[in-house]
Amino acid sequence: MALREKNLHGTVTLYRTKGPKTFADGEYFAPQFDFERQGDHFVYFVREKHGYWSDTEKRVVHVIETLSPDEGYTSYEEGLARYEQQLLTRIKDGFVHAYSLDPCKLSGDYIVYEFLGDITE
C-alpha cells in the first residue's frame, strides 16, 4: 500500500490546505498509531483528534477525540491496517496535506497525497 511506503507511523496531521491561514481552512484531523504494553504483550491502538489551527493564536483550538477505542488490536498488522484505513478515509475527504514531526530532527515532513481513480482498500 502506498501509505506504508511513506512510513507514516505515529501521528500525522492532515489539512485541506498547505498553509492554513484562516480558521476555516485550519481544520485538521490527526490520526495516531500507538501501542501499549499490557502484561507480556503489546496492544496496538488507532486514535484520532480533530481540531482547528488558529493562525492568529498560533495554536490548535477546539480539539476533540473523534476516535478513541478502549480495546486495541492484538497484532501490529491489524493495527497498522486500521490506521491506514483511517488515513485513507480522511484523505478521500480532502485532507491531503500531511505534516508529521520528527522529534530527533526537530523538524517536520510534508507530503501531499493525490489519488488517481477509485480507492478500494
N, C-alpha and C. Protein backbone atom coordinates (compact mmCIF):
# COMPACT_ATOMS: atom_id res chain seq x y z
N MET A 1 0.83 -1.18 0.00
CA MET A 1 0.00 0.00 0.00
C MET A 1 0.88 1.24 0.00
N ALA A 2 0.44 2.28 -0.66
CA ALA A 2 1.24 3.50 -0.80
C ALA A 2 1.54 4.16 0.54
N LEU A 3 0.61 4.12 1.47
CA LEU A 3 0.85 4.78 2.75
C LEU A 3 2.00 4.12 3.50
N ARG A 4 2.08 2.81 3.42
CA ARG A 4 3.14 2.11 4.13
C ARG A 4 4.51 2.51 3.58
N GLU A 5 4.58 2.76 2.28
CA GLU A 5 5.85 3.16 1.68
C GLU A 5 6.30 4.53 2.19
N LYS A 6 5.36 5.37 2.60
CA LYS A 6 5.71 6.69 3.10
C LYS A 6 6.14 6.64 4.56
N ASN A 7 5.95 5.50 5.23
CA ASN A 7 6.37 5.31 6.61
C ASN A 7 5.72 6.32 7.54
N LEU A 8 4.41 6.50 7.42
CA LEU A 8 3.69 7.45 8.25
C LEU A 8 3.14 6.77 9.50
N HIS A 9 4.01 6.30 10.33
CA HIS A 9 3.60 5.69 11.59
C HIS A 9 3.71 6.76 12.66
N GLY A 10 2.92 6.65 13.67
CA GLY A 10 2.95 7.65 14.73
C GLY A 10 1.77 8.57 14.57
N THR A 11 2.01 9.86 14.54
CA THR A 11 0.95 10.85 14.39
C THR A 11 1.21 11.70 13.16
N VAL A 12 0.18 11.86 12.36
CA VAL A 12 0.23 12.71 11.18
C VAL A 12 -0.92 13.70 11.30
N THR A 13 -0.68 14.95 10.95
CA THR A 13 -1.73 15.95 10.95
C THR A 13 -2.11 16.23 9.50
N LEU A 14 -3.39 16.07 9.20
CA LEU A 14 -3.90 16.22 7.84
C LEU A 14 -4.75 17.48 7.72
N TYR A 15 -4.39 18.34 6.76
CA TYR A 15 -5.13 19.57 6.47
C TYR A 15 -5.63 19.53 5.03
N ARG A 16 -6.59 20.39 4.73
CA ARG A 16 -7.07 20.54 3.36
C ARG A 16 -6.21 21.50 2.56
N THR A 17 -5.50 22.39 3.23
CA THR A 17 -4.66 23.37 2.55
C THR A 17 -3.23 23.27 3.06
N LYS A 18 -2.29 23.73 2.24
CA LYS A 18 -0.88 23.62 2.61
C LYS A 18 -0.52 24.53 3.78
N GLY A 19 -0.99 25.74 3.75
CA GLY A 19 -0.65 26.69 4.81
C GLY A 19 -1.89 27.33 5.38
N PRO A 20 -2.55 26.68 6.32
CA PRO A 20 -3.80 27.23 6.84
C PRO A 20 -3.62 28.61 7.45
N LYS A 21 -4.39 29.58 6.96
CA LYS A 21 -4.30 30.96 7.44
C LYS A 21 -5.59 31.42 8.11
N THR A 22 -6.72 30.82 7.73
CA THR A 22 -7.99 31.20 8.34
C THR A 22 -8.47 30.06 9.22
N PHE A 23 -9.41 30.37 10.08
CA PHE A 23 -9.95 29.34 10.97
C PHE A 23 -10.57 28.20 10.17
N ALA A 24 -11.30 28.54 9.11
CA ALA A 24 -11.99 27.52 8.31
C ALA A 24 -11.01 26.56 7.63
N ASP A 25 -9.93 27.08 7.04
CA ASP A 25 -9.01 26.17 6.38
C ASP A 25 -7.97 25.60 7.35
N GLY A 26 -8.09 25.95 8.63
CA GLY A 26 -7.22 25.38 9.64
C GLY A 26 -7.75 24.08 10.23
N GLU A 27 -8.89 23.60 9.71
CA GLU A 27 -9.44 22.34 10.21
C GLU A 27 -8.46 21.20 9.94
N TYR A 28 -8.29 20.33 10.91
CA TYR A 28 -7.38 19.21 10.73
C TYR A 28 -7.88 17.95 11.42
N PHE A 29 -7.34 16.81 10.98
CA PHE A 29 -7.50 15.53 11.66
C PHE A 29 -6.10 15.00 11.92
N ALA A 30 -5.92 14.37 13.06
CA ALA A 30 -4.61 13.82 13.42
C ALA A 30 -4.76 12.37 13.86
N PRO A 31 -4.77 11.43 12.89
CA PRO A 31 -4.79 10.02 13.25
C PRO A 31 -3.47 9.62 13.91
N GLN A 32 -3.54 8.69 14.84
CA GLN A 32 -2.35 8.26 15.58
C GLN A 32 -2.34 6.74 15.69
N PHE A 33 -1.17 6.17 15.45
CA PHE A 33 -0.96 4.72 15.61
C PHE A 33 0.03 4.55 16.75
N ASP A 34 -0.42 3.88 17.81
CA ASP A 34 0.38 3.77 19.02
C ASP A 34 0.25 2.37 19.60
N PHE A 35 1.05 2.08 20.59
CA PHE A 35 0.97 0.79 21.25
C PHE A 35 1.17 0.95 22.74
N GLU A 36 0.67 -0.04 23.49
CA GLU A 36 0.85 -0.09 24.93
C GLU A 36 1.24 -1.51 25.31
N ARG A 37 2.07 -1.61 26.31
CA ARG A 37 2.41 -2.93 26.84
C ARG A 37 1.35 -3.31 27.87
N GLN A 38 0.75 -4.47 27.68
CA GLN A 38 -0.24 -5.00 28.61
C GLN A 38 0.20 -6.40 29.02
N GLY A 39 0.76 -6.49 30.20
CA GLY A 39 1.30 -7.77 30.65
C GLY A 39 2.55 -8.11 29.87
N ASP A 40 2.52 -9.28 29.24
CA ASP A 40 3.69 -9.73 28.48
C ASP A 40 3.55 -9.54 26.98
N HIS A 41 2.59 -8.72 26.55
CA HIS A 41 2.42 -8.49 25.11
C HIS A 41 2.05 -7.02 24.85
N PHE A 42 2.07 -6.63 23.59
CA PHE A 42 1.72 -5.28 23.17
C PHE A 42 0.32 -5.27 22.57
N VAL A 43 -0.37 -4.18 22.77
CA VAL A 43 -1.68 -3.94 22.16
C VAL A 43 -1.55 -2.65 21.36
N TYR A 44 -2.10 -2.66 20.14
CA TYR A 44 -1.94 -1.54 19.19
C TYR A 44 -3.24 -0.77 19.08
N PHE A 45 -3.14 0.55 19.12
CA PHE A 45 -4.31 1.43 19.12
C PHE A 45 -4.27 2.41 17.96
N VAL A 46 -5.45 2.70 17.44
CA VAL A 46 -5.61 3.75 16.44
C VAL A 46 -6.54 4.78 17.07
N ARG A 47 -6.03 5.98 17.21
CA ARG A 47 -6.79 7.08 17.80
C ARG A 47 -6.76 8.26 16.83
N GLU A 48 -7.64 9.22 17.08
CA GLU A 48 -7.65 10.39 16.20
C GLU A 48 -8.18 11.60 16.96
N LYS A 49 -7.59 12.75 16.65
CA LYS A 49 -8.08 14.02 17.18
C LYS A 49 -8.48 14.92 16.02
N HIS A 50 -9.45 15.79 16.30
CA HIS A 50 -9.92 16.76 15.32
C HIS A 50 -9.87 18.12 15.97
N GLY A 51 -9.46 19.11 15.21
CA GLY A 51 -9.41 20.46 15.74
C GLY A 51 -9.17 21.47 14.64
N TYR A 52 -8.78 22.65 15.05
CA TYR A 52 -8.52 23.75 14.12
C TYR A 52 -7.21 24.42 14.50
N TRP A 53 -6.42 24.79 13.49
CA TRP A 53 -5.22 25.58 13.73
C TRP A 53 -5.62 27.05 13.64
N SER A 54 -5.35 27.79 14.71
CA SER A 54 -5.61 29.22 14.71
C SER A 54 -4.30 29.93 14.38
N ASP A 55 -4.23 30.47 13.18
CA ASP A 55 -3.01 31.19 12.78
C ASP A 55 -2.86 32.47 13.59
N THR A 56 -3.96 33.04 14.02
CA THR A 56 -3.92 34.25 14.84
C THR A 56 -3.29 33.96 16.20
N GLU A 57 -3.73 32.85 16.83
CA GLU A 57 -3.23 32.49 18.16
C GLU A 57 -1.98 31.61 18.10
N LYS A 58 -1.67 31.11 16.90
CA LYS A 58 -0.52 30.21 16.71
C LYS A 58 -0.61 28.97 17.60
N ARG A 59 -1.82 28.39 17.64
CA ARG A 59 -2.03 27.17 18.41
C ARG A 59 -3.28 26.46 17.91
N VAL A 60 -3.44 25.21 18.31
CA VAL A 60 -4.64 24.47 17.95
C VAL A 60 -5.74 24.79 18.95
N VAL A 61 -6.97 24.79 18.44
CA VAL A 61 -8.13 25.10 19.28
C VAL A 61 -9.24 24.10 18.99
N HIS A 62 -10.16 23.99 19.93
CA HIS A 62 -11.34 23.12 19.81
C HIS A 62 -10.95 21.67 19.50
N VAL A 63 -9.99 21.14 20.22
CA VAL A 63 -9.52 19.78 19.97
C VAL A 63 -10.45 18.79 20.67
N ILE A 64 -10.91 17.80 19.89
CA ILE A 64 -11.72 16.71 20.44
C ILE A 64 -11.19 15.39 19.91
N GLU A 65 -11.45 14.32 20.65
CA GLU A 65 -11.10 12.98 20.16
C GLU A 65 -12.26 12.46 19.33
N THR A 66 -11.97 12.07 18.10
CA THR A 66 -13.01 11.53 17.22
C THR A 66 -12.92 10.02 17.12
N LEU A 67 -11.81 9.46 17.58
CA LEU A 67 -11.63 8.01 17.57
C LEU A 67 -10.74 7.67 18.75
N SER A 68 -11.28 6.90 19.70
CA SER A 68 -10.53 6.55 20.90
C SER A 68 -11.07 5.26 21.49
N PRO A 69 -10.77 4.14 20.86
CA PRO A 69 -11.31 2.87 21.35
C PRO A 69 -10.66 2.44 22.67
N ASP A 70 -11.43 1.74 23.49
CA ASP A 70 -10.88 1.19 24.74
C ASP A 70 -10.05 -0.06 24.47
N GLU A 71 -10.46 -0.82 23.46
CA GLU A 71 -9.74 -2.05 23.13
C GLU A 71 -8.90 -1.82 21.89
N GLY A 72 -7.72 -2.39 21.89
CA GLY A 72 -6.83 -2.24 20.76
C GLY A 72 -6.78 -3.51 19.92
N TYR A 73 -5.79 -3.57 19.06
CA TYR A 73 -5.57 -4.71 18.18
C TYR A 73 -4.43 -5.54 18.74
N THR A 74 -4.56 -6.84 18.64
CA THR A 74 -3.55 -7.72 19.22
C THR A 74 -2.32 -7.88 18.34
N SER A 75 -2.43 -7.53 17.07
CA SER A 75 -1.25 -7.65 16.20
C SER A 75 -0.93 -6.29 15.58
N TYR A 76 0.34 -6.11 15.32
CA TYR A 76 0.83 -4.89 14.67
C TYR A 76 0.16 -4.73 13.31
N GLU A 77 0.04 -5.82 12.56
CA GLU A 77 -0.52 -5.77 11.21
C GLU A 77 -1.97 -5.31 11.22
N GLU A 78 -2.76 -5.81 12.18
CA GLU A 78 -4.16 -5.39 12.28
C GLU A 78 -4.26 -3.90 12.63
N GLY A 79 -3.45 -3.47 13.58
CA GLY A 79 -3.46 -2.07 13.97
C GLY A 79 -3.03 -1.16 12.84
N LEU A 80 -1.97 -1.55 12.14
CA LEU A 80 -1.48 -0.75 11.03
C LEU A 80 -2.52 -0.67 9.91
N ALA A 81 -3.20 -1.77 9.63
CA ALA A 81 -4.23 -1.77 8.59
C ALA A 81 -5.36 -0.80 8.95
N ARG A 82 -5.75 -0.78 10.22
CA ARG A 82 -6.82 0.13 10.67
C ARG A 82 -6.36 1.59 10.60
N TYR A 83 -5.11 1.83 10.95
CA TYR A 83 -4.53 3.18 10.87
C TYR A 83 -4.52 3.66 9.42
N GLU A 84 -4.09 2.83 8.51
CA GLU A 84 -4.05 3.20 7.10
C GLU A 84 -5.45 3.43 6.57
N GLN A 85 -6.42 2.64 7.04
CA GLN A 85 -7.82 2.84 6.65
C GLN A 85 -8.31 4.22 7.11
N GLN A 86 -7.94 4.62 8.32
CA GLN A 86 -8.35 5.92 8.84
C GLN A 86 -7.70 7.05 8.04
N LEU A 87 -6.42 6.89 7.71
CA LEU A 87 -5.75 7.88 6.86
C LEU A 87 -6.45 8.01 5.52
N LEU A 88 -6.76 6.90 4.89
CA LEU A 88 -7.42 6.93 3.58
C LEU A 88 -8.79 7.60 3.66
N THR A 89 -9.52 7.35 4.73
CA THR A 89 -10.83 7.99 4.91
C THR A 89 -10.69 9.50 4.92
N ARG A 90 -9.74 10.00 5.67
CA ARG A 90 -9.55 11.45 5.76
C ARG A 90 -9.00 12.03 4.45
N ILE A 91 -8.11 11.32 3.81
CA ILE A 91 -7.55 11.78 2.54
C ILE A 91 -8.65 11.86 1.48
N LYS A 92 -9.52 10.85 1.44
CA LYS A 92 -10.64 10.87 0.49
C LYS A 92 -11.57 12.04 0.76
N ASP A 93 -11.64 12.50 2.02
CA ASP A 93 -12.47 13.65 2.37
C ASP A 93 -11.80 14.98 2.05
N GLY A 94 -10.59 14.93 1.46
CA GLY A 94 -9.92 16.15 1.03
C GLY A 94 -8.80 16.63 1.93
N PHE A 95 -8.52 15.90 2.98
CA PHE A 95 -7.44 16.28 3.88
C PHE A 95 -6.14 15.65 3.36
N VAL A 96 -5.57 16.28 2.35
CA VAL A 96 -4.47 15.68 1.60
C VAL A 96 -3.10 16.26 1.94
N HIS A 97 -3.06 17.30 2.73
CA HIS A 97 -1.78 17.90 3.11
C HIS A 97 -1.37 17.34 4.46
N ALA A 98 -0.31 16.54 4.48
CA ALA A 98 0.09 15.82 5.69
C ALA A 98 1.38 16.37 6.25
N TYR A 99 1.38 16.58 7.56
CA TYR A 99 2.56 17.03 8.27
C TYR A 99 2.85 16.03 9.38
N SER A 100 4.10 15.66 9.52
CA SER A 100 4.50 14.81 10.64
C SER A 100 5.81 15.34 11.20
N LEU A 101 5.91 15.35 12.51
CA LEU A 101 7.11 15.85 13.16
C LEU A 101 8.08 14.72 13.45
N ASP A 102 9.34 15.01 13.32
CA ASP A 102 10.39 14.09 13.70
C ASP A 102 11.13 14.73 14.87
N PRO A 103 10.87 14.26 16.11
CA PRO A 103 11.50 14.90 17.26
C PRO A 103 13.02 14.78 17.27
N CYS A 104 13.55 13.81 16.57
CA CYS A 104 15.01 13.67 16.50
C CYS A 104 15.64 14.75 15.64
N LYS A 105 14.91 15.19 14.60
CA LYS A 105 15.42 16.23 13.70
C LYS A 105 14.93 17.62 14.10
N LEU A 106 13.97 17.67 15.02
CA LEU A 106 13.33 18.92 15.42
C LEU A 106 12.74 19.67 14.23
N SER A 107 12.24 18.89 13.28
CA SER A 107 11.60 19.48 12.11
C SER A 107 10.49 18.52 11.66
N GLY A 108 9.81 18.91 10.62
CA GLY A 108 8.71 18.09 10.15
C GLY A 108 8.86 17.68 8.71
N ASP A 109 8.04 16.71 8.32
CA ASP A 109 7.97 16.26 6.94
C ASP A 109 6.62 16.68 6.39
N TYR A 110 6.58 17.03 5.11
CA TYR A 110 5.36 17.47 4.46
C TYR A 110 5.13 16.61 3.23
N ILE A 111 3.90 16.09 3.09
CA ILE A 111 3.55 15.25 1.95
C ILE A 111 2.18 15.69 1.45
N VAL A 112 1.99 15.74 0.14
CA VAL A 112 0.67 15.97 -0.44
C VAL A 112 0.24 14.67 -1.10
N TYR A 113 -0.96 14.21 -0.74
CA TYR A 113 -1.48 12.98 -1.32
C TYR A 113 -2.35 13.31 -2.52
N GLU A 114 -2.17 12.52 -3.56
CA GLU A 114 -3.00 12.67 -4.75
C GLU A 114 -3.38 11.26 -5.19
N PHE A 115 -4.67 11.04 -5.35
CA PHE A 115 -5.15 9.73 -5.79
C PHE A 115 -5.74 9.85 -7.18
N LEU A 116 -5.41 8.90 -8.01
CA LEU A 116 -5.96 8.83 -9.36
C LEU A 116 -6.87 7.61 -9.41
N GLY A 117 -8.15 7.83 -9.64
CA GLY A 117 -9.07 6.72 -9.69
C GLY A 117 -9.65 6.41 -8.33
N ASP A 118 -10.34 5.28 -8.25
CA ASP A 118 -11.01 4.89 -7.01
C ASP A 118 -10.04 4.24 -6.04
N ILE A 119 -10.34 4.44 -4.78
CA ILE A 119 -9.60 3.75 -3.71
C ILE A 119 -10.49 2.62 -3.23
N THR A 120 -10.03 1.41 -3.37
CA THR A 120 -10.85 0.27 -2.98
C THR A 120 -10.35 -0.39 -1.72
N GLU A 121 -9.19 0.01 -1.21
CA GLU A 121 -8.67 -0.61 0.01
C GLU A 121 -9.18 0.08 1.24
